[in-house]
Amino acid sequence: MLTIVTVIFTPPILIAGIYGMNLDQMSEMKMIFGYPLSLLLMLLSSLALFLFFRWKKWL
């Protein structure tokens, strides 16, 4: 169970780590919806993994 929880929360942590580096070269940071888009990406990546584990009946 701990492994599954770790796998579910790893992609959002990776995305947050990339966007948290304050890079000026990232084009997403200059977009109007860049920040909400990154939050949506974090949510979707966790939700996809959660639904996959539910589908496999591991949860």
Protein backbone atom coordinates (compact mmCIF):
# COMPACT_ATOMS: atom_id res chain seq x y z
CA MET A 1 0.00 0.00 0.00
CA LEU A 2 2.84 2.38 0.81
CA THR A 3 4.42 1.67 -2.58
CA ILE A 4 1.17 2.48 -4.39
CA VAL A 5 0.76 5.76 -2.51
CA THR A 6 4.36 6.67 -3.31
CA VAL A 7 3.86 5.94 -7.02
CA ILE A 8 0.66 8.02 -7.10
CA PHE A 9 2.32 11.09 -5.56
CA THR A 10 5.65 10.91 -7.42
CA PRO A 11 4.54 12.62 -10.70
CA PRO A 12 3.07 15.71 -8.96
CA ILE A 13 6.22 16.07 -6.87
CA LEU A 14 8.35 15.85 -10.02
CA ILE A 15 6.21 18.46 -11.83
CA ALA A 16 6.28 20.76 -8.80
CA GLY A 17 10.05 20.38 -8.59
CA ILE A 18 10.51 21.34 -12.22
CA TYR A 19 8.22 24.36 -12.03
CA GLY A 20 9.65 25.39 -8.68
CA MET A 21 13.14 26.02 -10.06
CA ASN A 22 12.31 29.60 -11.18
CA LEU A 23 13.63 29.14 -14.70
CA ASP A 24 13.20 32.13 -16.99
CA GLN A 25 13.59 30.03 -20.13
CA MET A 26 10.39 28.03 -19.57
CA SER A 27 7.77 29.23 -22.04
CA GLU A 28 4.95 27.91 -19.85
CA MET A 29 5.73 30.49 -17.17
CA LYS A 30 4.98 33.34 -19.57
CA MET A 31 1.61 31.89 -20.63
CA ILE A 32 -1.58 33.22 -19.09
CA PHE A 33 -2.69 29.76 -18.01
CA GLY A 34 0.77 28.33 -17.31
CA TYR A 35 0.33 27.94 -13.57
CA PRO A 36 -3.21 26.45 -13.71
CA LEU A 37 -2.03 24.18 -16.51
CA SER A 38 0.75 22.80 -14.32
CA LEU A 39 -1.71 22.24 -11.46
CA LEU A 40 -4.06 20.44 -13.84
CA LEU A 41 -1.18 18.29 -15.07
CA MET A 42 -0.35 17.32 -11.48
CA LEU A 43 -3.96 16.43 -10.76
CA LEU A 44 -4.41 14.42 -13.95
CA SER A 45 -1.20 12.45 -13.48
CA SER A 46 -2.21 11.40 -9.96
CA LEU A 47 -5.77 10.66 -10.99
CA ALA A 48 -4.61 8.51 -13.92
CA LEU A 49 -2.38 6.43 -11.68
CA PHE A 50 -5.10 6.13 -9.04
CA LEU A 51 -7.63 4.93 -11.62
CA PHE A 52 -5.09 2.49 -13.06
CA PHE A 53 -4.50 0.93 -9.65
CA ARG A 54 -8.27 0.78 -9.05
CA TRP A 55 -8.73 -0.92 -12.43
CA LYS A 56 -6.08 -3.51 -11.54
CA LYS A 57 -7.87 -3.99 -8.17
CA TRP A 58 -4.72 -3.18 -6.21
CA LEU A 59 -6.60 -0.62 -4.12
